[in-house]
Amino acid sequence: MTSSLPTSVPTDGERRLALLWDPPQPSGRGRKARLSLDEVVDAGTTVVRDAGLEGLSMRKVAAHLGVGAMTLYTYVPGRTELVDLMIDRAFAELDLPGADQPWRAAMSRYAREHRDLYLRHPWILQTNMWRLPLAPHVLDAEEAGLRVLVGAGLPATQVVEVIGLVDTYVRGVARASIAEQSEGSESGLSNDDYWDSMSTFWGTYFDPERYPTMTQVWEAGGFDAGHASFDATLDRLLDGIELAIDRAAA
């Protein structure tokens, strides 16, 4: 009587990682595959662009490709793995700063590239940004950001926190911009039109005694400047990072 050695079954995490780092290659033997993994990822991106992340399903992707849903599962185990691949494909679009750039210019480029990426692919911000896939191009982006800060002289113990501040700012601005664009499209009102429609509030309901500080800021012209540009606010954030670098060097 013979006994077979136990075989380990890959975990869900291992399967997700393998698809990102070691995807199956087309076999040169037998009948040619109807699709490629790249085509599946492209189709998923097209579906999510039109229907949003909540509208993404394996069935819709299969329909877009003109195949049955079961055919799709021979390329991607499920929706979670497909989204991983789609995120990594999107991050491949980033034009990341090189190692030879001055750190402020490099960090500005890092921030602008990520902002533009999220505006092109707003569905990414609907995913859990704390659990971005451990994917090649996602890690390339993180490596670039960390390299800039370490190269600038920021202690390695602080760079994760600081790059997190930059990422949080970029994502917040992108989310606000996406929400404004979406609401403007749905309502037909620009931002200026919206506030014009609310103009009677100030004379009818606003109470300076209840909001004295707000009144003080308004009387000083503090609200006249409106929202600072993305780059202007980013510069202030970089000023804070520069101060941290200087302190570390002192």
C-alpha atoms as a PDB file:
ATOM      1  CA  MET A   1       0.000   0.000   0.000  1.00  0.00           C
ATOM      2  CA  THR A   2       1.417   3.350  -0.980  1.00  0.00           C
ATOM      3  CA  SER A   3       0.703   6.671   0.609  1.00  0.00           C
ATOM      4  CA  SER A   4       0.947   9.985  -1.146  1.00  0.00           C
ATOM      5  CA  LEU A   5       2.734  12.902   0.416  1.00  0.00           C
ATOM      6  CA  PRO A   6       0.443  15.721   1.546  1.00  0.00           C
ATOM      7  CA  THR A   7       0.337  18.659  -0.841  1.00  0.00           C
ATOM      8  CA  SER A   8      -0.055  22.188   0.403  1.00  0.00           C
ATOM      9  CA  VAL A   9      -3.019  24.105  -0.930  1.00  0.00           C
ATOM     10  CA  PRO A  10      -2.279  27.756  -1.701  1.00  0.00           C
ATOM     11  CA  THR A  11      -4.090  30.224   0.517  1.00  0.00           C
ATOM     12  CA  ASP A  12      -6.215  33.024  -0.907  1.00  0.00           C
ATOM     13  CA  GLY A  13      -3.377  35.442  -0.227  1.00  0.00           C
ATOM     14  CA  GLU A  14      -0.857  33.239  -1.996  1.00  0.00           C
ATOM     15  CA  ARG A  15      -3.109  32.948  -5.039  1.00  0.00           C
ATOM     16  CA  ARG A  16      -3.541  36.723  -5.198  1.00  0.00           C
ATOM     17  CA  LEU A  17       0.206  37.294  -4.972  1.00  0.00           C
ATOM     18  CA  ALA A  18       1.032  34.649  -7.554  1.00  0.00           C
ATOM     19  CA  LEU A  19      -1.308  36.211 -10.110  1.00  0.00           C
ATOM     20  CA  LEU A  20       0.389  39.590  -9.626  1.00  0.00           C
ATOM     21  CA  TRP A  21       3.992  38.433  -9.606  1.00  0.00           C
ATOM     22  CA  ASP A  22       4.008  35.160 -11.523  1.00  0.00           C
ATOM     23  CA  PRO A  23       0.976  35.127 -13.840  1.00  0.00           C
ATOM     24  CA  PRO A  24       0.490  31.994 -15.920  1.00  0.00           C
ATOM     25  CA  GLN A  25       2.082  32.209 -19.340  1.00  0.00           C
ATOM     26  CA  PRO A  26       0.226  31.119 -22.487  1.00  0.00           C
ATOM     27  CA  SER A  27       1.060  27.582 -23.469  1.00  0.00           C
ATOM     28  CA  GLY A  28       2.567  27.070 -26.891  1.00  0.00           C
ATOM     29  CA  ARG A  29       0.810  23.732 -27.231  1.00  0.00           C
ATOM     30  CA  GLY A  30      -2.757  22.917 -28.040  1.00  0.00           C
ATOM     31  CA  ARG A  31      -5.519  25.265 -29.066  1.00  0.00           C
ATOM     32  CA  LYS A  32      -4.801  28.982 -28.779  1.00  0.00           C
ATOM     33  CA  ALA A  33      -6.452  30.632 -25.789  1.00  0.00           C
ATOM     34  CA  ARG A  34      -9.494  32.748 -26.607  1.00  0.00           C
ATOM     35  CA  LEU A  35      -8.306  35.594 -24.391  1.00  0.00           C
ATOM     36  CA  SER A  36      -5.225  36.912 -22.672  1.00  0.00           C
ATOM     37  CA  LEU A  37      -4.977  38.069 -19.074  1.00  0.00           C
ATOM     38  CA  ASP A  38      -4.226  41.583 -20.347  1.00  0.00           C
ATOM     39  CA  GLU A  39      -7.488  41.598 -22.291  1.00  0.00           C
ATOM     40  CA  VAL A  40      -9.403  40.575 -19.181  1.00  0.00           C
ATOM     41  CA  VAL A  41      -7.803  43.384 -17.164  1.00  0.00           C
ATOM     42  CA  ASP A  42      -8.526  45.892 -19.939  1.00  0.00           C
ATOM     43  CA  ALA A  43     -12.149  44.791 -20.023  1.00  0.00           C
ATOM     44  CA  GLY A  44     -12.467  45.110 -16.263  1.00  0.00           C
ATOM     45  CA  THR A  45     -11.100  48.649 -16.432  1.00  0.00           C
ATOM     46  CA  THR A  46     -13.583  49.539 -19.167  1.00  0.00           C
ATOM     47  CA  VAL A  47     -16.516  48.166 -17.180  1.00  0.00           C
ATOM     48  CA  VAL A  48     -15.515  49.985 -13.999  1.00  0.00           C
ATOM     49  CA  ARG A  49     -15.020  53.223 -15.915  1.00  0.00           C
ATOM     50  CA  ASP A  50     -18.600  53.048 -17.166  1.00  0.00           C
ATOM     51  CA  ALA A  51     -20.348  51.429 -14.180  1.00  0.00           C
ATOM     52  CA  GLY A  52     -18.156  52.321 -11.201  1.00  0.00           C
ATOM     53  CA  LEU A  53     -16.531  49.852  -8.858  1.00  0.00           C
ATOM     54  CA  GLU A  54     -19.889  48.863  -7.408  1.00  0.00           C
ATOM     55  CA  GLY A  55     -21.011  47.889 -10.907  1.00  0.00           C
ATOM     56  CA  LEU A  56     -18.045  45.619 -11.576  1.00  0.00           C
ATOM     57  CA  SER A  57     -18.849  41.933 -11.772  1.00  0.00           C
ATOM     58  CA  MET A  58     -17.291  38.953 -13.473  1.00  0.00           C
ATOM     59  CA  ARG A  59     -20.495  38.503 -15.446  1.00  0.00           C
ATOM     60  CA  LYS A  60     -20.317  42.049 -16.842  1.00  0.00           C
ATOM     61  CA  VAL A  61     -16.665  41.671 -17.750  1.00  0.00           C
ATOM     62  CA  ALA A  62     -17.406  38.385 -19.490  1.00  0.00           C
ATOM     63  CA  ALA A  63     -20.275  39.969 -21.409  1.00  0.00           C
ATOM     64  CA  HIS A  64     -18.007  42.814 -22.511  1.00  0.00           C
ATOM     65  CA  LEU A  65     -15.542  40.245 -23.851  1.00  0.00           C
ATOM     66  CA  GLY A  66     -18.261  38.169 -25.472  1.00  0.00           C
ATOM     67  CA  VAL A  67     -17.553  35.031 -23.458  1.00  0.00           C
ATOM     68  CA  GLY A  68     -19.306  33.130 -20.714  1.00  0.00           C
ATOM     69  CA  ALA A  69     -18.564  33.918 -17.082  1.00  0.00           C
ATOM     70  CA  MET A  70     -17.082  30.460 -16.542  1.00  0.00           C
ATOM     71  CA  THR A  71     -14.548  31.135 -19.292  1.00  0.00           C
ATOM     72  CA  LEU A  72     -13.396  34.218 -17.414  1.00  0.00           C
ATOM     73  CA  TYR A  73     -12.679  32.196 -14.279  1.00  0.00           C
ATOM     74  CA  THR A  74     -10.003  30.262 -16.158  1.00  0.00           C
ATOM     75  CA  TYR A  75      -7.999  33.502 -16.284  1.00  0.00           C
ATOM     76  CA  VAL A  76      -8.871  35.196 -12.978  1.00  0.00           C
ATOM     77  CA  PRO A  77     -10.165  33.379  -9.866  1.00  0.00           C
ATOM     78  CA  GLY A  78     -12.595  36.145  -8.977  1.00  0.00           C
ATOM     79  CA  ARG A  79     -13.470  39.817  -8.700  1.00  0.00           C
ATOM     80  CA  THR A  80     -10.971  40.518  -5.894  1.00  0.00           C
ATOM     81  CA  GLU A  81      -8.034  39.273  -7.930  1.00  0.00           C
ATOM     82  CA  LEU A  82      -9.251  41.178 -10.985  1.00  0.00           C
ATOM     83  CA  VAL A  83      -9.367  44.447  -9.026  1.00  0.00           C
ATOM     84  CA  ASP A  84      -5.807  43.788  -7.793  1.00  0.00           C
ATOM     85  CA  LEU A  85      -4.645  43.473 -11.393  1.00  0.00           C
ATOM     86  CA  MET A  86      -6.591  46.552 -12.478  1.00  0.00           C
ATOM     87  CA  ILE A  87      -5.036  48.674  -9.730  1.00  0.00           C
ATOM     88  CA  ASP A  88      -1.544  47.535 -10.643  1.00  0.00           C
ATOM     89  CA  ARG A  89      -2.232  48.248 -14.321  1.00  0.00           C
ATOM     90  CA  ALA A  90      -3.343  51.769 -13.420  1.00  0.00           C
ATOM     91  CA  PHE A  91      -0.283  52.408 -11.238  1.00  0.00           C
ATOM     92  CA  ALA A  92       1.913  51.441 -14.192  1.00  0.00           C
ATOM     93  CA  GLU A  93       0.828  54.756 -15.772  1.00  0.00           C
ATOM     94  CA  LEU A  94       2.678  56.806 -13.143  1.00  0.00           C
ATOM     95  CA  ASP A  95       5.661  58.814 -14.370  1.00  0.00           C
ATOM     96  CA  LEU A  96       7.609  58.536 -11.145  1.00  0.00           C
ATOM     97  CA  PRO A  97      10.433  60.880 -10.103  1.00  0.00           C
ATOM     98  CA  GLY A  98      13.970  59.782 -10.788  1.00  0.00           C
ATOM     99  CA  ALA A  99      16.681  59.439  -8.191  1.00  0.00           C
ATOM    100  CA  ASP A 100      18.570  62.456  -9.573  1.00  0.00           C
ATOM    101  CA  GLN A 101      15.820  65.059  -9.043  1.00  0.00           C
ATOM    102  CA  PRO A 102      15.969  67.594  -6.182  1.00  0.00           C
ATOM    103  CA  TRP A 103      13.744  66.284  -3.428  1.00  0.00           C
ATOM    104  CA  ARG A 104      11.088  69.049  -3.527  1.00  0.00           C
ATOM    105  CA  ALA A 105      10.646  68.778  -7.285  1.00  0.00           C
ATOM    106  CA  ALA A 106      10.578  64.991  -6.989  1.00  0.00           C
ATOM    107  CA  MET A 107       7.973  64.976  -4.222  1.00  0.00           C
ATOM    108  CA  SER A 108       5.839  67.492  -6.143  1.00  0.00           C
ATOM    109  CA  ARG A 109       5.972  65.195  -9.149  1.00  0.00           C
ATOM    110  CA  TYR A 110       5.080  62.196  -6.996  1.00  0.00           C
ATOM    111  CA  ALA A 111       2.042  64.034  -5.620  1.00  0.00           C
ATOM    112  CA  ARG A 112       0.818  65.406  -8.959  1.00  0.00           C
ATOM    113  CA  GLU A 113       1.222  62.054 -10.700  1.00  0.00           C
ATOM    114  CA  HIS A 114      -0.882  60.325  -8.039  1.00  0.00           C
ATOM    115  CA  ARG A 115      -3.537  63.047  -8.121  1.00  0.00           C
ATOM    116  CA  ASP A 116      -3.833  62.775 -11.901  1.00  0.00           C
ATOM    117  CA  LEU A 117      -3.965  58.987 -11.655  1.00  0.00           C
ATOM    118  CA  TYR A 118      -6.928  59.140  -9.260  1.00  0.00           C
ATOM    119  CA  LEU A 119      -8.714  61.662 -11.471  1.00  0.00           C
ATOM    120  CA  ARG A 120      -8.266  59.350 -14.470  1.00  0.00           C
ATOM    121  CA  HIS A 121      -9.317  56.294 -12.469  1.00  0.00           C
ATOM    122  CA  PRO A 122     -11.619  57.557  -9.687  1.00  0.00           C
ATOM    123  CA  TRP A 123     -12.729  54.010  -8.911  1.00  0.00           C
ATOM    124  CA  ILE A 124      -9.359  53.364  -7.250  1.00  0.00           C
ATOM    125  CA  LEU A 125     -10.420  55.647  -4.395  1.00  0.00           C
ATOM    126  CA  GLN A 126     -13.453  53.422  -3.841  1.00  0.00           C
ATOM    127  CA  THR A 127     -11.139  50.590  -2.824  1.00  0.00           C
ATOM    128  CA  ASN A 128      -9.548  50.184   0.605  1.00  0.00           C
ATOM    129  CA  MET A 129      -6.480  52.400   0.256  1.00  0.00           C
ATOM    130  CA  TRP A 130      -5.041  50.883   3.437  1.00  0.00           C
ATOM    131  CA  ARG A 131      -4.915  47.519   1.671  1.00  0.00           C
ATOM    132  CA  LEU A 132      -3.551  48.314  -1.744  1.00  0.00           C
ATOM    133  CA  PRO A 133      -2.331  45.127  -3.414  1.00  0.00           C
ATOM    134  CA  LEU A 134       1.298  44.116  -2.939  1.00  0.00           C
ATOM    135  CA  ALA A 135       1.768  44.485  -6.665  1.00  0.00           C
ATOM    136  CA  PRO A 136       4.839  45.414  -8.734  1.00  0.00           C
ATOM    137  CA  HIS A 137       3.799  48.878  -9.907  1.00  0.00           C
ATOM    138  CA  VAL A 138       2.104  49.777  -6.623  1.00  0.00           C
ATOM    139  CA  LEU A 139       5.352  49.012  -4.807  1.00  0.00           C
ATOM    140  CA  ASP A 140       7.338  50.891  -7.475  1.00  0.00           C
ATOM    141  CA  ALA A 141       5.360  54.006  -6.543  1.00  0.00           C
ATOM    142  CA  GLU A 142       5.951  53.512  -2.835  1.00  0.00           C
ATOM    143  CA  GLU A 143       9.638  52.872  -3.424  1.00  0.00           C
ATOM    144  CA  ALA A 144       9.919  56.126  -5.381  1.00  0.00           C
ATOM    145  CA  GLY A 145       8.267  58.186  -2.647  1.00  0.00           C
ATOM    146  CA  LEU A 146      10.348  56.669   0.136  1.00  0.00           C
ATOM    147  CA  ARG A 147      13.539  57.059  -1.906  1.00  0.00           C
ATOM    148  CA  VAL A 148      12.903  60.789  -2.310  1.00  0.00           C
ATOM    149  CA  LEU A 149      12.487  61.354   1.423  1.00  0.00           C
ATOM    150  CA  VAL A 150      15.365  59.138   2.537  1.00  0.00           C
ATOM    151  CA  GLY A 151      17.595  60.790  -0.056  1.00  0.00           C
ATOM    152  CA  ALA A 152      16.592  64.208   1.284  1.00  0.00           C
ATOM    153  CA  GLY A 153      17.899  63.244   4.717  1.00  0.00           C
ATOM    154  CA  LEU A 154      14.686  62.368   6.523  1.00  0.00           C
ATOM    155  CA  PRO A 155      15.293  59.554   9.034  1.00  0.00           C
ATOM    156  CA  ALA A 156      14.074  56.159   7.867  1.00  0.00           C
ATOM    157  CA  THR A 157      11.930  55.977  11.009  1.00  0.00           C
ATOM    158  CA  GLN A 158       9.902  58.999   9.836  1.00  0.00           C
ATOM    159  CA  VAL A 159       9.506  58.495   6.100  1.00  0.00           C
ATOM    160  CA  VAL A 160       6.463  56.204   6.238  1.00  0.00           C
ATOM    161  CA  GLU A 161       4.546  58.724   8.338  1.00  0.00           C
ATOM    162  CA  VAL A 162       5.536  61.622   6.088  1.00  0.00           C
ATOM    163  CA  ILE A 163       4.744  59.887   2.796  1.00  0.00           C
ATOM    164  CA  GLY A 164       1.415  58.985   4.391  1.00  0.00           C
ATOM    165  CA  LEU A 165       0.714  62.695   4.946  1.00  0.00           C
ATOM    166  CA  VAL A 166       1.397  63.426   1.280  1.00  0.00           C
ATOM    167  CA  ASP A 167      -0.747  60.497   0.136  1.00  0.00           C
ATOM    168  CA  THR A 168      -3.605  61.543   2.426  1.00  0.00           C
ATOM    169  CA  TYR A 169      -3.529  65.107   1.089  1.00  0.00           C
ATOM    170  CA  VAL A 170      -3.457  63.947  -2.535  1.00  0.00           C
ATOM    171  CA  ARG A 171      -6.295  61.478  -2.073  1.00  0.00           C
ATOM    172  CA  GLY A 172      -8.399  64.012  -0.191  1.00  0.00           C
ATOM    173  CA  VAL A 173      -8.055  66.592  -2.949  1.00  0.00           C
ATOM    174  CA  ALA A 174      -8.787  63.997  -5.612  1.00  0.00           C
ATOM    175  CA  ARG A 175     -11.892  62.744  -3.781  1.00  0.00           C
ATOM    176  CA  ALA A 176     -13.198  66.300  -3.386  1.00  0.00           C
ATOM    177  CA  SER A 177     -12.589  67.059  -7.056  1.00  0.00           C
ATOM    178  CA  ILE A 178     -14.304  63.857  -8.161  1.00  0.00           C
ATOM    179  CA  ALA A 179     -17.291  64.507  -5.883  1.00  0.00           C
ATOM    180  CA  GLU A 180     -17.619  68.089  -7.145  1.00  0.00           C
ATOM    181  CA  GLN A 181     -17.487  66.973 -10.761  1.00  0.00           C
ATOM    182  CA  SER A 182     -20.044  64.225 -10.137  1.00  0.00           C
ATOM    183  CA  GLU A 183     -22.478  66.490  -8.297  1.00  0.00           C
ATOM    184  CA  GLY A 184     -22.072  69.231 -10.877  1.00  0.00           C
ATOM    185  CA  SER A 185     -22.909  66.781 -13.650  1.00  0.00           C
ATOM    186  CA  GLU A 186     -25.959  65.452 -11.803  1.00  0.00           C
ATOM    187  CA  SER A 187     -27.354  68.825 -10.697  1.00  0.00           C
ATOM    188  CA  GLY A 188     -26.320  70.932 -13.667  1.00  0.00           C
ATOM    189  CA  LEU A 189     -24.962  73.551 -11.242  1.00  0.00           C
ATOM    190  CA  SER A 190     -21.372  74.708 -11.138  1.00  0.00           C
ATOM    191  CA  ASN A 191     -19.791  75.390  -7.756  1.00  0.00           C
ATOM    192  CA  ASP A 192     -20.378  79.126  -8.205  1.00  0.00           C
ATOM    193  CA  ASP A 193     -23.993  78.504  -9.242  1.00  0.00           C
ATOM    194  CA  TYR A 194     -24.575  76.414  -6.134  1.00  0.00           C
ATOM    195  CA  TRP A 195     -23.298  79.077  -3.753  1.00  0.00           C
ATOM    196  CA  ASP A 196     -25.245  81.769  -5.605  1.00  0.00           C
ATOM    197  CA  SER A 197     -28.404  79.727  -4.998  1.00  0.00           C
ATOM    198  CA  MET A 198     -27.636  79.815  -1.253  1.00  0.00           C
ATOM    199  CA  SER A 199     -26.873  83.537  -1.068  1.00  0.00           C
ATOM    200  CA  THR A 200     -29.984  84.434   0.962  1.00  0.00           C
ATOM    201  CA  PHE A 201     -28.646  82.344   3.866  1.00  0.00           C
ATOM    202  CA  TRP A 202     -26.270  85.059   5.026  1.00  0.00           C
ATOM    203  CA  GLY A 203     -28.887  87.732   5.502  1.00  0.00           C
ATOM    204  CA  THR A 204     -31.636  85.407   6.745  1.00  0.00           C
ATOM    205  CA  TYR A 205     -30.002  82.847   9.024  1.00  0.00           C
ATOM    206  CA  PHE A 206     -26.359  83.670   9.693  1.00  0.00           C
ATOM    207  CA  ASP A 207     -25.806  85.014  13.219  1.00  0.00           C
ATOM    208  CA  PRO A 208     -22.473  86.839  13.777  1.00  0.00           C
ATOM    209  CA  GLU A 209     -22.831  86.487  17.546  1.00  0.00           C
ATOM    210  CA  ARG A 210     -23.032  82.716  17.272  1.00  0.00           C
ATOM    211  CA  TYR A 211     -20.121  82.565  14.816  1.00  0.00           C
ATOM    212  CA  PRO A 212     -17.854  85.464  15.860  1.00  0.00           C
ATOM    213  CA  THR A 213     -14.602  83.952  14.623  1.00  0.00           C
ATOM    214  CA  MET A 214     -16.083  83.157  11.236  1.00  0.00           C
ATOM    215  CA  THR A 215     -17.331  86.731  11.048  1.00  0.00           C
ATOM    216  CA  GLN A 216     -13.896  88.063  11.978  1.00  0.00           C
ATOM    217  CA  VAL A 217     -12.223  86.017   9.255  1.00  0.00           C
ATOM    218  CA  TRP A 218     -14.833  87.122   6.700  1.00  0.00           C
ATOM    219  CA  GLU A 219     -14.452  90.808   7.577  1.00  0.00           C
ATOM    220  CA  ALA A 220     -10.681  90.491   7.195  1.00  0.00           C
ATOM    221  CA  GLY A 221     -11.141  89.060   3.701  1.00  0.00           C
ATOM    222  CA  GLY A 222     -10.048  85.589   4.714  1.00  0.00           C
ATOM    223  CA  PHE A 223     -12.672  83.917   2.540  1.00  0.00           C
ATOM    224  CA  ASP A 224     -12.007  86.067  -0.533  1.00  0.00           C
ATOM    225  CA  ALA A 225      -9.029  84.017  -1.644  1.00  0.00           C
ATOM    226  CA  GLY A 226     -11.157  80.894  -1.926  1.00  0.00           C
ATOM    227  CA  HIS A 227      -9.486  77.512  -2.025  1.00  0.00           C
ATOM    228  CA  ALA A 228      -5.745  77.525  -2.549  1.00  0.00           C
ATOM    229  CA  SER A 229      -4.490  75.682  -5.593  1.00  0.00           C
ATOM    230  CA  PHE A 230      -3.287  72.116  -5.292  1.00  0.00           C
ATOM    231  CA  ASP A 231       0.323  73.174  -5.814  1.00  0.00           C
ATOM    232  CA  ALA A 232       0.130  76.061  -3.326  1.00  0.00           C
ATOM    233  CA  THR A 233      -1.138  73.822  -0.538  1.00  0.00           C
ATOM    234  CA  LEU A 234       1.357  71.131  -1.499  1.00  0.00           C
ATOM    235  CA  ASP A 235       4.148  73.697  -1.170  1.00  0.00           C
ATOM    236  CA  ARG A 236       3.052  74.399   2.409  1.00  0.00           C
ATOM    237  CA  LEU A 237       3.119  70.685   3.137  1.00  0.00           C
ATOM    238  CA  LEU A 238       6.596  70.426   1.627  1.00  0.00           C
ATOM    239  CA  ASP A 239       7.702  73.357   3.794  1.00  0.00           C
ATOM    240  CA  GLY A 240       6.762  71.275   6.828  1.00  0.00           C
ATOM    241  CA  ILE A 241       8.686  68.295   5.470  1.00  0.00           C
ATOM    242  CA  GLU A 242      11.704  70.518   4.848  1.00  0.00           C
ATOM    243  CA  LEU A 243      11.562  71.675   8.455  1.00  0.00           C
ATOM    244  CA  ALA A 244      11.567  68.040   9.608  1.00  0.00           C
ATOM    245  CA  ILE A 245      14.576  67.346   7.378  1.00  0.00           C
ATOM    246  CA  ASP A 246      16.435  70.360   8.769  1.00  0.00           C
ATOM    247  CA  ARG A 247      15.706  69.280  12.334  1.00  0.00           C
ATOM    248  CA  ALA A 248      17.003  65.797  11.595  1.00  0.00           C
ATOM    249  CA  ALA A 249      20.226  67.275  10.232  1.00  0.00           C
ATOM    250  CA  ALA A 250      20.767  69.612  13.201  1.00  0.00           C
END
